[in-house]
Amino acid sequence: MKRLLDLIKNKFFLVTLAFIIWMIFFDKNDLFSQYEYRQQVNKLKEEEAFYKTETEKVKKDLEELSSDKSRLEKFAREKYLMKKDNEDVFVIIHEKKK
């Protein structure tokens, strides 16, 4: 017990303990903030992987559209409702049920 009291009275121990408590709980980069930053980094890495795969898909589609005339025509008709001069386009919109 005396040894514990001597340790608590030691100014170096108190300063070190105060420093550790300050760094864990009160500092700008405390333990909780570091945990949140780590979660943000992991989320951003997942988003980066998602966008890389999406970029690869778009590049592949662009390559196909650039090389194949019939795919380009199909894409223009479906996405942008383009038509030839002698054609009519009818757009069917389904009503949502309540």
PDB file of N, CA and C in Angstrom:
ATOM      1  N   MET A   1       0.830  -1.192   0.000  1.00  0.00           N
ATOM      2  CA  MET A   1       0.000   0.000   0.000  1.00  0.00           C
ATOM      3  C   MET A   1       0.872   1.251   0.000  1.00  0.00           C
ATOM      4  N   LYS A   2       1.934   1.204   0.789  1.00  0.00           N
ATOM      5  CA  LYS A   2       2.836   2.355   0.850  1.00  0.00           C
ATOM      6  C   LYS A   2       3.493   2.597  -0.509  1.00  0.00           C
ATOM      7  N   ARG A   3       3.802   1.508  -1.183  1.00  0.00           N
ATOM      8  CA  ARG A   3       4.429   1.639  -2.488  1.00  0.00           C
ATOM      9  C   ARG A   3       3.470   2.312  -3.485  1.00  0.00           C
ATOM     10  N   LEU A   4       2.204   1.976  -3.415  1.00  0.00           N
ATOM     11  CA  LEU A   4       1.205   2.599  -4.270  1.00  0.00           C
ATOM     12  C   LEU A   4       1.059   4.081  -3.950  1.00  0.00           C
ATOM     13  N   LEU A   5       1.066   4.432  -2.688  1.00  0.00           N
ATOM     14  CA  LEU A   5       0.976   5.844  -2.300  1.00  0.00           C
ATOM     15  C   LEU A   5       2.200   6.623  -2.772  1.00  0.00           C
ATOM     16  N   ASP A   6       3.363   5.993  -2.656  1.00  0.00           N
ATOM     17  CA  ASP A   6       4.579   6.649  -3.140  1.00  0.00           C
ATOM     18  C   ASP A   6       4.517   6.877  -4.655  1.00  0.00           C
ATOM     19  N   LEU A   7       3.960   5.884  -5.345  1.00  0.00           N
ATOM     20  CA  LEU A   7       3.830   6.010  -6.796  1.00  0.00           C
ATOM     21  C   LEU A   7       2.868   7.145  -7.149  1.00  0.00           C
ATOM     22  N   ILE A   8       1.752   7.252  -6.437  1.00  0.00           N
ATOM     23  CA  ILE A   8       0.771   8.301  -6.700  1.00  0.00           C
ATOM     24  C   ILE A   8       1.335   9.680  -6.368  1.00  0.00           C
ATOM     25  N   LYS A   9       2.183   9.774  -5.386  1.00  0.00           N
ATOM     26  CA  LYS A   9       2.779  11.059  -4.989  1.00  0.00           C
ATOM     27  C   LYS A   9       3.924  11.476  -5.911  1.00  0.00           C
ATOM     28  N   ASN A  10       4.424  10.550  -6.696  1.00  0.00           N
ATOM     29  CA  ASN A  10       5.549  10.837  -7.589  1.00  0.00           C
ATOM     30  C   ASN A  10       5.067  11.783  -8.697  1.00  0.00           C
ATOM     31  N   LYS A  11       5.753  12.931  -8.833  1.00  0.00           N
ATOM     32  CA  LYS A  11       5.316  13.938  -9.795  1.00  0.00           C
ATOM     33  C   LYS A  11       5.499  13.480 -11.237  1.00  0.00           C
ATOM     34  N   PHE A  12       6.503  12.662 -11.501  1.00  0.00           N
ATOM     35  CA  PHE A  12       6.704  12.165 -12.860  1.00  0.00           C
ATOM     36  C   PHE A  12       5.573  11.219 -13.263  1.00  0.00           C
ATOM     37  N   PHE A  13       5.153  10.392 -12.336  1.00  0.00           N
ATOM     38  CA  PHE A  13       4.042   9.495 -12.598  1.00  0.00           C
ATOM     39  C   PHE A  13       2.760  10.283 -12.842  1.00  0.00           C
ATOM     40  N   LEU A  14       2.516  11.304 -12.043  1.00  0.00           N
ATOM     41  CA  LEU A  14       1.315  12.120 -12.191  1.00  0.00           C
ATOM     42  C   LEU A  14       1.294  12.873 -13.517  1.00  0.00           C
ATOM     43  N   VAL A  15       2.449  13.411 -13.877  1.00  0.00           N
ATOM     44  CA  VAL A  15       2.533  14.129 -15.150  1.00  0.00           C
ATOM     45  C   VAL A  15       2.318  13.165 -16.317  1.00  0.00           C
ATOM     46  N   THR A  16       2.928  11.986 -16.248  1.00  0.00           N
ATOM     47  CA  THR A  16       2.753  10.985 -17.300  1.00  0.00           C
ATOM     48  C   THR A  16       1.301  10.522 -17.380  1.00  0.00           C
ATOM     49  N   LEU A  17       0.687  10.286 -16.244  1.00  0.00           N
ATOM     50  CA  LEU A  17      -0.710   9.882 -16.208  1.00  0.00           C
ATOM     51  C   LEU A  17      -1.617  10.974 -16.780  1.00  0.00           C
ATOM     52  N   ALA A  18      -1.350  12.220 -16.398  1.00  0.00           N
ATOM     53  CA  ALA A  18      -2.143  13.336 -16.917  1.00  0.00           C
ATOM     54  C   ALA A  18      -1.965  13.455 -18.437  1.00  0.00           C
ATOM     55  N   PHE A  19      -0.743  13.267 -18.914  1.00  0.00           N
ATOM     56  CA  PHE A  19      -0.474  13.333 -20.345  1.00  0.00           C
ATOM     57  C   PHE A  19      -1.230  12.239 -21.101  1.00  0.00           C
ATOM     58  N   ILE A  20      -1.209  11.027 -20.575  1.00  0.00           N
ATOM     59  CA  ILE A  20      -1.901   9.909 -21.222  1.00  0.00           C
ATOM     60  C   ILE A  20      -3.409  10.149 -21.248  1.00  0.00           C
ATOM     61  N   ILE A  21      -3.961  10.608 -20.137  1.00  0.00           N
ATOM     62  CA  ILE A  21      -5.397  10.893 -20.082  1.00  0.00           C
ATOM     63  C   ILE A  21      -5.752  12.007 -21.062  1.00  0.00           C
ATOM     64  N   TRP A  22      -4.915  13.035 -21.115  1.00  0.00           N
ATOM     65  CA  TRP A  22      -5.161  14.135 -22.045  1.00  0.00           C
ATOM     66  C   TRP A  22      -5.155  13.636 -23.490  1.00  0.00           C
ATOM     67  N   MET A  23      -4.178  12.809 -23.842  1.00  0.00           N
ATOM     68  CA  MET A  23      -4.057  12.323 -25.212  1.00  0.00           C
ATOM     69  C   MET A  23      -5.197  11.372 -25.596  1.00  0.00           C
ATOM     70  N   ILE A  24      -5.700  10.611 -24.637  1.00  0.00           N
ATOM     71  CA  ILE A  24      -6.763   9.654 -24.949  1.00  0.00           C
ATOM     72  C   ILE A  24      -8.123  10.331 -25.054  1.00  0.00           C
ATOM     73  N   PHE A  25      -8.420  11.289 -24.205  1.00  0.00           N
ATOM     74  CA  PHE A  25      -9.774  11.826 -24.126  1.00  0.00           C
ATOM     75  C   PHE A  25      -9.945  13.269 -24.617  1.00  0.00           C
ATOM     76  N   PHE A  26      -8.981  14.140 -24.399  1.00  0.00           N
ATOM     77  CA  PHE A  26      -9.217  15.566 -24.609  1.00  0.00           C
ATOM     78  C   PHE A  26      -8.501  16.181 -25.802  1.00  0.00           C
ATOM     79  N   ASP A  27      -7.535  15.512 -26.361  1.00  0.00           N
ATOM     80  CA  ASP A  27      -6.769  16.069 -27.469  1.00  0.00           C
ATOM     81  C   ASP A  27      -7.607  16.113 -28.747  1.00  0.00           C
ATOM     82  N   LYS A  28      -7.186  16.929 -29.684  1.00  0.00           N
ATOM     83  CA  LYS A  28      -7.887  17.042 -30.962  1.00  0.00           C
ATOM     84  C   LYS A  28      -7.892  15.697 -31.697  1.00  0.00           C
ATOM     85  N   ASN A  29      -6.848  14.943 -31.573  1.00  0.00           N
ATOM     86  CA  ASN A  29      -6.730  13.632 -32.220  1.00  0.00           C
ATOM     87  C   ASN A  29      -6.862  12.517 -31.192  1.00  0.00           C
ATOM     88  N   ASP A  30      -7.905  12.583 -30.391  1.00  0.00           N
ATOM     89  CA  ASP A  30      -8.080  11.580 -29.348  1.00  0.00           C
ATOM     90  C   ASP A  30      -8.449  10.220 -29.945  1.00  0.00           C
ATOM     91  N   LEU A  31      -8.605   9.239 -29.078  1.00  0.00           N
ATOM     92  CA  LEU A  31      -8.855   7.868 -29.498  1.00  0.00           C
ATOM     93  C   LEU A  31     -10.159   7.741 -30.281  1.00  0.00           C
ATOM     94  N   PHE A  32     -11.187   8.418 -29.856  1.00  0.00           N
ATOM     95  CA  PHE A  32     -12.482   8.341 -30.525  1.00  0.00           C
ATOM     96  C   PHE A  32     -12.423   8.971 -31.914  1.00  0.00           C
ATOM     97  N   SER A  33     -11.719  10.076 -32.021  1.00  0.00           N
ATOM     98  CA  SER A  33     -11.572  10.717 -33.335  1.00  0.00           C
ATOM     99  C   SER A  33     -10.787   9.819 -34.281  1.00  0.00           C
ATOM    100  N   GLN A  34      -9.756   9.172 -33.773  1.00  0.00           N
ATOM    101  CA  GLN A  34      -8.973   8.263 -34.604  1.00  0.00           C
ATOM    102  C   GLN A  34      -9.827   7.110 -35.110  1.00  0.00           C
ATOM    103  N   TYR A  35     -10.714   6.609 -34.276  1.00  0.00           N
ATOM    104  CA  TYR A  35     -11.621   5.535 -34.679  1.00  0.00           C
ATOM    105  C   TYR A  35     -12.551   6.009 -35.799  1.00  0.00           C
ATOM    106  N   GLU A  36     -13.095   7.203 -35.649  1.00  0.00           N
ATOM    107  CA  GLU A  36     -13.973   7.753 -36.683  1.00  0.00           C
ATOM    108  C   GLU A  36     -13.203   8.001 -37.980  1.00  0.00           C
ATOM    109  N   TYR A  37     -11.980   8.503 -37.867  1.00  0.00           N
ATOM    110  CA  TYR A  37     -11.171   8.726 -39.061  1.00  0.00           C
ATOM    111  C   TYR A  37     -10.892   7.408 -39.775  1.00  0.00           C
ATOM    112  N   ARG A  38     -10.637   6.364 -39.013  1.00  0.00           N
ATOM    113  CA  ARG A  38     -10.364   5.052 -39.598  1.00  0.00           C
ATOM    114  C   ARG A  38     -11.603   4.542 -40.347  1.00  0.00           C
ATOM    115  N   GLN A  39     -12.784   4.758 -39.768  1.00  0.00           N
ATOM    116  CA  GLN A  39     -14.017   4.352 -40.442  1.00  0.00           C
ATOM    117  C   GLN A  39     -14.216   5.134 -41.738  1.00  0.00           C
ATOM    118  N   GLN A  40     -13.919   6.428 -41.700  1.00  0.00           N
ATOM    119  CA  GLN A  40     -14.045   7.245 -42.911  1.00  0.00           C
ATOM    120  C   GLN A  40     -13.092   6.767 -44.001  1.00  0.00           C
ATOM    121  N   VAL A  41     -11.871   6.427 -43.600  1.00  0.00           N
ATOM    122  CA  VAL A  41     -10.885   5.953 -44.572  1.00  0.00           C
ATOM    123  C   VAL A  41     -11.357   4.651 -45.200  1.00  0.00           C
ATOM    124  N   ASN A  42     -11.880   3.745 -44.396  1.00  0.00           N
ATOM    125  CA  ASN A  42     -12.376   2.477 -44.940  1.00  0.00           C
ATOM    126  C   ASN A  42     -13.547   2.707 -45.892  1.00  0.00           C
ATOM    127  N   LYS A  43     -14.454   3.623 -45.532  1.00  0.00           N
ATOM    128  CA  LYS A  43     -15.588   3.927 -46.392  1.00  0.00           C
ATOM    129  C   LYS A  43     -15.102   4.524 -47.716  1.00  0.00           C
ATOM    130  N   LEU A  44     -14.133   5.422 -47.644  1.00  0.00           N
ATOM    131  CA  LEU A  44     -13.605   6.040 -48.858  1.00  0.00           C
ATOM    132  C   LEU A  44     -12.876   5.026 -49.739  1.00  0.00           C
ATOM    133  N   LYS A  45     -12.212   4.058 -49.136  1.00  0.00           N
ATOM    134  CA  LYS A  45     -11.561   3.006 -49.920  1.00  0.00           C
ATOM    135  C   LYS A  45     -12.592   2.151 -50.647  1.00  0.00           C
ATOM    136  N   GLU A  46     -13.707   1.861 -49.972  1.00  0.00           N
ATOM    137  CA  GLU A  46     -14.780   1.115 -50.626  1.00  0.00           C
ATOM    138  C   GLU A  46     -15.360   1.909 -51.794  1.00  0.00           C
ATOM    139  N   GLU A  47     -15.568   3.206 -51.585  1.00  0.00           N
ATOM    140  CA  GLU A  47     -16.082   4.056 -52.660  1.00  0.00           C
ATOM    141  C   GLU A  47     -15.099   4.120 -53.818  1.00  0.00           C
ATOM    142  N   GLU A  48     -13.815   4.185 -53.502  1.00  0.00           N
ATOM    143  CA  GLU A  48     -12.794   4.226 -54.548  1.00  0.00           C
ATOM    144  C   GLU A  48     -12.846   2.955 -55.388  1.00  0.00           C
ATOM    145  N   ALA A  49     -12.985   1.806 -54.740  1.00  0.00           N
ATOM    146  CA  ALA A  49     -13.069   0.548 -55.478  1.00  0.00           C
ATOM    147  C   ALA A  49     -14.326   0.518 -56.340  1.00  0.00           C
ATOM    148  N   PHE A  50     -15.443   0.992 -55.803  1.00  0.00           N
ATOM    149  CA  PHE A  50     -16.692   1.039 -56.564  1.00  0.00           C
ATOM    150  C   PHE A  50     -16.542   1.914 -57.800  1.00  0.00           C
ATOM    151  N   TYR A  51     -15.982   3.109 -57.624  1.00  0.00           N
ATOM    152  CA  TYR A  51     -15.853   4.025 -58.755  1.00  0.00           C
ATOM    153  C   TYR A  51     -14.839   3.518 -59.786  1.00  0.00           C
ATOM    154  N   LYS A  52     -13.836   2.790 -59.335  1.00  0.00           N
ATOM    155  CA  LYS A  52     -12.897   2.214 -60.301  1.00  0.00           C
ATOM    156  C   LYS A  52     -13.583   1.172 -61.163  1.00  0.00           C
ATOM    157  N   THR A  53     -14.417   0.333 -60.553  1.00  0.00           N
ATOM    158  CA  THR A  53     -15.134  -0.668 -61.344  1.00  0.00           C
ATOM    159  C   THR A  53     -16.135  -0.010 -62.286  1.00  0.00           C
ATOM    160  N   GLU A  54     -16.808   1.037 -61.800  1.00  0.00           N
ATOM    161  CA  GLU A  54     -17.755   1.750 -62.661  1.00  0.00           C
ATOM    162  C   GLU A  54     -17.025   2.419 -63.827  1.00  0.00           C
ATOM    163  N   THR A  55     -15.859   2.967 -63.566  1.00  0.00           N
ATOM    164  CA  THR A  55     -15.066   3.594 -64.628  1.00  0.00           C
ATOM    165  C   THR A  55     -14.668   2.566 -65.672  1.00  0.00           C
ATOM    166  N   GLU A  56     -14.278   1.383 -65.219  1.00  0.00           N
ATOM    167  CA  GLU A  56     -13.914   0.329 -66.161  1.00  0.00           C
ATOM    168  C   GLU A  56     -15.119  -0.084 -67.014  1.00  0.00           C
ATOM    169  N   LYS A  57     -16.291  -0.176 -66.402  1.00  0.00           N
ATOM    170  CA  LYS A  57     -17.500  -0.516 -67.164  1.00  0.00           C
ATOM    171  C   LYS A  57     -17.791   0.545 -68.215  1.00  0.00           C
ATOM    172  N   VAL A  58     -17.683   1.808 -67.820  1.00  0.00           N
ATOM    173  CA  VAL A  58     -17.964   2.901 -68.758  1.00  0.00           C
ATOM    174  C   VAL A  58     -16.944   2.918 -69.892  1.00  0.00           C
ATOM    175  N   LYS A  59     -15.689   2.659 -69.572  1.00  0.00           N
ATOM    176  CA  LYS A  59     -14.659   2.612 -70.618  1.00  0.00           C
ATOM    177  C   LYS A  59     -14.943   1.480 -71.596  1.00  0.00           C
ATOM    178  N   LYS A  60     -15.369   0.340 -71.069  1.00  0.00           N
ATOM    179  CA  LYS A  60     -15.692  -0.800 -71.929  1.00  0.00           C
ATOM    180  C   LYS A  60     -16.881  -0.469 -72.831  1.00  0.00           C
ATOM    181  N   ASP A  61     -17.915   0.154 -72.243  1.00  0.00           N
ATOM    182  CA  ASP A  61     -19.079   0.555 -73.043  1.00  0.00           C
ATOM    183  C   ASP A  61     -18.695   1.576 -74.104  1.00  0.00           C
ATOM    184  N   LEU A  62     -17.860   2.515 -73.744  1.00  0.00           N
ATOM    185  CA  LEU A  62     -17.413   3.524 -74.708  1.00  0.00           C
ATOM    186  C   LEU A  62     -16.645   2.880 -75.845  1.00  0.00           C
ATOM    187  N   GLU A  63     -15.809   1.924 -75.521  1.00  0.00           N
ATOM    188  CA  GLU A  63     -15.055   1.214 -76.556  1.00  0.00           C
ATOM    189  C   GLU A  63     -16.001   0.469 -77.497  1.00  0.00           C
ATOM    190  N   GLU A  64     -17.026  -0.186 -76.922  1.00  0.00           N
ATOM    191  CA  GLU A  64     -17.990  -0.903 -77.754  1.00  0.00           C
ATOM    192  C   GLU A  64     -18.786   0.058 -78.635  1.00  0.00           C
ATOM    193  N   LEU A  65     -19.195   1.194 -78.053  1.00  0.00           N
ATOM    194  CA  LEU A  65     -19.970   2.156 -78.826  1.00  0.00           C
ATOM    195  C   LEU A  65     -19.132   2.802 -79.921  1.00  0.00           C
ATOM    196  N   SER A  66     -17.858   2.992 -79.661  1.00  0.00           N
ATOM    197  CA  SER A  66     -16.979   3.614 -80.655  1.00  0.00           C
ATOM    198  C   SER A  66     -16.692   2.673 -81.818  1.00  0.00           C
ATOM    199  N   SER A  67     -16.687   1.368 -81.533  1.00  0.00           N
ATOM    200  CA  SER A  67     -16.282   0.429 -82.573  1.00  0.00           C
ATOM    201  C   SER A  67     -17.458  -0.182 -83.333  1.00  0.00           C
ATOM    202  N   ASP A  68     -18.636  -0.276 -82.730  1.00  0.00           N
ATOM    203  CA  ASP A  68     -19.768  -0.960 -83.352  1.00  0.00           C
ATOM    204  C   ASP A  68     -20.900   0.027 -83.637  1.00  0.00           C
ATOM    205  N   LYS A  69     -21.194   0.221 -84.902  1.00  0.00           N
ATOM    206  CA  LYS A  69     -22.210   1.193 -85.325  1.00  0.00           C
ATOM    207  C   LYS A  69     -23.614   0.783 -84.870  1.00  0.00           C
ATOM    208  N   SER A  70     -23.932  -0.496 -84.925  1.00  0.00           N
ATOM    209  CA  SER A  70     -25.274  -0.940 -84.535  1.00  0.00           C
ATOM    210  C   SER A  70     -25.495  -0.769 -83.030  1.00  0.00           C
ATOM    211  N   ARG A  71     -24.465  -0.986 -82.202  1.00  0.00           N
ATOM    212  CA  ARG A  71     -24.596  -0.770 -80.757  1.00  0.00           C
ATOM    213  C   ARG A  71     -24.775   0.713 -80.447  1.00  0.00           C
ATOM    214  N   LEU A  72     -24.102   1.559 -81.200  1.00  0.00           N
ATOM    215  CA  LEU A  72     -24.257   2.996 -81.014  1.00  0.00           C
ATOM    216  C   LEU A  72     -25.683   3.426 -81.342  1.00  0.00           C
ATOM    217  N   GLU A  73     -26.236   2.892 -82.426  1.00  0.00           N
ATOM    218  CA  GLU A  73     -27.602   3.231 -82.800  1.00  0.00           C
ATOM    219  C   GLU A  73     -28.590   2.733 -81.739  1.00  0.00           C
ATOM    220  N   LYS A  74     -28.394   1.533 -81.247  1.00  0.00           N
ATOM    221  CA  LYS A  74     -29.271   0.978 -80.210  1.00  0.00           C
ATOM    222  C   LYS A  74     -29.205   1.815 -78.932  1.00  0.00           C
ATOM    223  N   PHE A  75     -28.011   2.213 -78.562  1.00  0.00           N
ATOM    224  CA  PHE A  75     -27.826   3.034 -77.366  1.00  0.00           C
ATOM    225  C   PHE A  75     -28.531   4.379 -77.530  1.00  0.00           C
ATOM    226  N   ALA A  76     -28.379   5.013 -78.673  1.00  0.00           N
ATOM    227  CA  ALA A  76     -29.005   6.316 -78.908  1.00  0.00           C
ATOM    228  C   ALA A  76     -30.525   6.209 -78.891  1.00  0.00           C
ATOM    229  N   ARG A  77     -31.054   5.136 -79.445  1.00  0.00           N
ATOM    230  CA  ARG A  77     -32.503   4.954 -79.460  1.00  0.00           C
ATOM    231  C   ARG A  77     -33.048   4.726 -78.043  1.00  0.00           C
ATOM    232  N   GLU A  78     -32.366   3.909 -77.257  1.00  0.00           N
ATOM    233  CA  GLU A  78     -32.870   3.563 -75.927  1.00  0.00           C
ATOM    234  C   GLU A  78     -32.692   4.685 -74.920  1.00  0.00           C
ATOM    235  N   LYS A  79     -31.548   5.292 -74.918  1.00  0.00           N
ATOM    236  CA  LYS A  79     -31.244   6.275 -73.869  1.00  0.00           C
ATOM    237  C   LYS A  79     -31.723   7.676 -74.197  1.00  0.00           C
ATOM    238  N   TYR A  80     -31.611   8.073 -75.433  1.00  0.00           N
ATOM    239  CA  TYR A  80     -31.909   9.458 -75.807  1.00  0.00           C
ATOM    240  C   TYR A  80     -33.128   9.590 -76.708  1.00  0.00           C
ATOM    241  N   LEU A  81     -33.826   8.476 -76.938  1.00  0.00           N
ATOM    242  CA  LEU A  81     -35.048   8.458 -77.736  1.00  0.00           C
ATOM    243  C   LEU A  81     -34.852   9.065 -79.131  1.00  0.00           C
ATOM    244  N   MET A  82     -33.706   8.819 -79.715  1.00  0.00           N
ATOM    245  CA  MET A  82     -33.440   9.316 -81.064  1.00  0.00           C
ATOM    246  C   MET A  82     -34.131   8.409 -82.077  1.00  0.00           C
ATOM    247  N   LYS A  83     -34.393   8.960 -83.271  1.00  0.00           N
ATOM    248  CA  LYS A  83     -35.107   8.210 -84.298  1.00  0.00           C
ATOM    249  C   LYS A  83     -34.597   8.616 -85.670  1.00  0.00           C
ATOM    250  N   LYS A  84     -34.963   7.797 -86.631  1.00  0.00           N
ATOM    251  CA  LYS A  84     -34.650   8.130 -88.018  1.00  0.00           C
ATOM    252  C   LYS A  84     -35.732   9.079 -88.526  1.00  0.00           C
ATOM    253  N   ASP A  85     -35.492   9.691 -89.676  1.00  0.00           N
ATOM    254  CA  ASP A  85     -36.428  10.689 -90.213  1.00  0.00           C
ATOM    255  C   ASP A  85     -37.805  10.118 -90.515  1.00  0.00           C
ATOM    256  N   ASN A  86     -37.868   8.886 -90.963  1.00  0.00           N
ATOM    257  CA  ASN A  86     -39.155   8.319 -91.369  1.00  0.00           C
ATOM    258  C   ASN A  86     -39.802   7.475 -90.265  1.00  0.00           C
ATOM    259  N   GLU A  87     -39.407   7.665 -89.003  1.00  0.00           N
ATOM    260  CA  GLU A  87     -39.944   6.867 -87.907  1.00  0.00           C
ATOM    261  C   GLU A  87     -40.678   7.750 -86.902  1.00  0.00           C
ATOM    262  N   ASP A  88     -41.580   7.120 -86.174  1.00  0.00           N
ATOM    263  CA  ASP A  88     -42.245   7.773 -85.045  1.00  0.00           C
ATOM    264  C   ASP A  88     -41.864   7.019 -83.781  1.00  0.00           C
ATOM    265  N   VAL A  89     -41.679   7.759 -82.699  1.00  0.00           N
ATOM    266  CA  VAL A  89     -41.316   7.145 -81.422  1.00  0.00           C
ATOM    267  C   VAL A  89     -42.458   7.350 -80.454  1.00  0.00           C
ATOM    268  N   PHE A  90     -42.882   6.260 -79.862  1.00  0.00           N
ATOM    269  CA  PHE A  90     -43.927   6.314 -78.846  1.00  0.00           C
ATOM    270  C   PHE A  90     -43.311   5.928 -77.508  1.00  0.00           C
ATOM    271  N   VAL A  91     -43.459   6.792 -76.529  1.00  0.00           N
ATOM    272  CA  VAL A  91     -42.925   6.539 -75.197  1.00  0.00           C
ATOM    273  C   VAL A  91     -44.083   6.148 -74.304  1.00  0.00           C
ATOM    274  N   ILE A  92     -43.982   4.979 -73.696  1.00  0.00           N
ATOM    275  CA  ILE A  92     -45.031   4.484 -72.814  1.00  0.00           C
ATOM    276  C   ILE A  92     -44.578   4.691 -71.374  1.00  0.00           C
ATOM    277  N   ILE A  93     -45.374   5.437 -70.630  1.00  0.00           N
ATOM    278  CA  ILE A  93     -45.062   5.702 -69.226  1.00  0.00           C
ATOM    279  C   ILE A  93     -46.079   4.962 -68.374  1.00  0.00           C
ATOM    280  N   HIS A  94     -45.600   4.092 -67.531  1.00  0.00           N
ATOM    281  CA  HIS A  94     -46.485   3.320 -66.669  1.00  0.00           C
ATOM    282  C   HIS A  94     -46.805   4.144 -65.427  1.00  0.00           C
ATOM    283  N   GLU A  95     -48.098   4.201 -65.090  1.00  0.00           N
ATOM    284  CA  GLU A  95     -48.507   4.943 -63.894  1.00  0.00           C
ATOM    285  C   GLU A  95     -48.236   4.092 -62.665  1.00  0.00           C
ATOM    286  N   LYS A  96     -47.810   4.737 -61.612  1.00  0.00           N
ATOM    287  CA  LYS A  96     -47.564   4.023 -60.364  1.00  0.00           C
ATOM    288  C   LYS A  96     -48.893   3.780 -59.657  1.00  0.00           C
ATOM    289  N   LYS A  97     -49.003   2.594 -59.104  1.00  0.00           N
ATOM    290  CA  LYS A  97     -50.226   2.270 -58.364  1.00  0.00           C
ATOM    291  C   LYS A  97     -50.149   2.831 -56.960  1.00  0.00           C
ATOM    292  N   LYS A  98     -51.267   3.312 -56.466  1.00  0.00           N
ATOM    293  CA  LYS A  98     -51.296   3.891 -55.132  1.00  0.00           C
ATOM    294  C   LYS A  98     -51.554   2.839 -54.087  1.00  0.00           C
TER     295      LYS A  98
END
